[in-house]
Protein backbone atom coordinates (compact mmCIF):
# COMPACT_ATOMS: atom_id res chain seq x y z
CA UNK A 1 38.26 55.26 8.03
CA UNK A 2 37.27 58.45 9.86
CA UNK A 3 37.92 62.04 8.90
CA UNK A 4 39.50 63.65 11.97
CA UNK A 5 40.53 67.07 10.60
CA UNK A 6 39.64 69.42 7.79
CA UNK A 7 41.60 68.88 4.59
CA UNK A 8 41.50 70.00 0.97
CA UNK A 9 42.67 68.66 -2.38
CA UNK A 10 42.35 70.14 -5.84
CA UNK A 11 41.44 73.55 -7.19
CA UNK A 12 38.62 75.50 -8.78
CA UNK A 13 40.38 75.64 -12.13
CA UNK A 14 38.57 74.44 -15.22
CA UNK A 15 38.66 70.63 -15.60
CA UNK A 16 39.51 70.12 -11.93
CA UNK A 17 37.61 69.61 -8.68
CA UNK A 18 38.03 71.03 -5.20
CA UNK A 19 37.36 68.40 -2.54
CA UNK A 20 37.05 69.39 1.12
CA UNK A 21 36.64 66.98 4.00
CA UNK A 22 35.90 67.65 7.65
CA UNK A 23 34.91 65.63 10.74
CA UNK A 24 31.28 64.59 11.08
CA UNK A 25 29.49 61.88 13.10
CA UNK A 26 28.15 60.24 9.94
CA UNK A 27 29.15 60.14 6.31
CA UNK A 28 27.66 63.07 4.41
CA UNK A 29 28.48 63.99 0.82
CA UNK A 30 27.67 67.25 -0.99
CA UNK A 31 28.42 67.50 -4.71
CA UNK A 32 28.21 70.66 -6.81
CA UNK A 33 29.22 70.65 -10.47
CA UNK A 34 29.08 72.88 -13.51
CA UNK A 35 28.14 69.77 -15.51
CA UNK A 36 25.72 68.21 -13.01
CA UNK A 37 22.92 68.11 -15.57
CA UNK A 38 24.93 66.01 -18.01
CA UNK A 39 27.23 63.98 -15.74
CA UNK A 40 25.79 64.23 -12.23
CA UNK A 41 25.06 60.52 -11.90
CA UNK A 42 28.56 59.57 -13.05
CA UNK A 43 30.21 62.08 -10.72
CA UNK A 44 28.15 60.87 -7.77
CA UNK A 45 29.04 57.25 -8.57
CA UNK A 46 32.78 58.01 -8.76
CA UNK A 47 32.75 59.90 -5.45
CA UNK A 48 30.70 57.26 -3.61
CA UNK A 49 32.70 54.32 -5.01
CA UNK A 50 35.98 56.00 -4.03
CA UNK A 51 34.76 56.64 -0.48
CA UNK A 52 33.53 53.05 -0.24
CA UNK A 53 36.85 51.63 -1.46
CA UNK A 54 38.68 53.75 1.10
CA UNK A 55 36.33 52.53 3.82
CA UNK A 56 35.23 56.03 4.83
CA UNK A 57 32.41 55.75 7.37
CA UNK A 58 32.44 59.17 9.03
CA UNK A 59 33.03 62.67 7.72
CA UNK A 60 31.64 65.46 5.61
CA UNK A 61 32.84 65.44 1.99
CA UNK A 62 32.24 68.45 -0.25
CA UNK A 63 33.01 68.24 -3.96
CA UNK A 64 33.00 71.36 -6.16
CA UNK A 65 33.55 70.03 -9.67
CA UNK A 66 34.52 72.20 -12.62
CA UNK A 67 34.31 69.53 -15.32
CA UNK A 68 37.00 67.16 -14.05
CA UNK A 69 37.36 63.72 -15.58
CA UNK A 70 36.69 60.63 -13.46
CA UNK A 71 40.35 59.94 -12.65
CA UNK A 72 40.86 63.51 -11.43
CA UNK A 73 37.79 63.39 -9.18
CA UNK A 74 38.93 60.05 -7.78
CA UNK A 75 42.43 61.37 -7.09
CA UNK A 76 41.12 64.53 -5.41
CA UNK A 77 38.79 62.55 -3.15
CA UNK A 78 41.61 60.18 -2.21
CA UNK A 79 44.00 63.06 -1.53
CA UNK A 80 41.59 64.95 0.70
CA UNK A 81 40.61 61.82 2.63
CA UNK A 82 44.23 60.79 3.22
CA UNK A 83 45.09 64.29 4.45
CA UNK A 84 42.06 64.38 6.74
CA UNK A 85 42.54 60.99 8.37
CA UNK A 86 45.14 59.58 10.77
CA UNK A 87 44.66 56.06 9.44
CA UNK A 88 47.05 54.54 6.94
CA UNK A 89 45.42 53.85 3.58
CA UNK A 90 44.93 50.25 2.49
CA UNK A 91 46.51 50.58 -0.95
CA UNK A 92 45.27 47.14 -2.00
CA UNK A 93 41.67 48.43 -1.87
CA UNK A 94 42.38 51.05 -4.51
């Protein structure tokens, strides 16, 4: 799956995450979080696993986390990717 246009999902409210995607020749991920010291590895794992399950191979993904739980981060990444891609999601992979 390729990101073909800029898209956003989420917010900067407490316990949420703002995920932005945009076109890029390779997959690049940038994660910022208010709880990176405590949960950075877990957040990175959730983001990377979600992108892998969606089959994302190209695009820039920016995550600005404000203490969101795993399911919220996963949903925000999915939402932004679906909005930024022309491909139909393979729901069985999720």
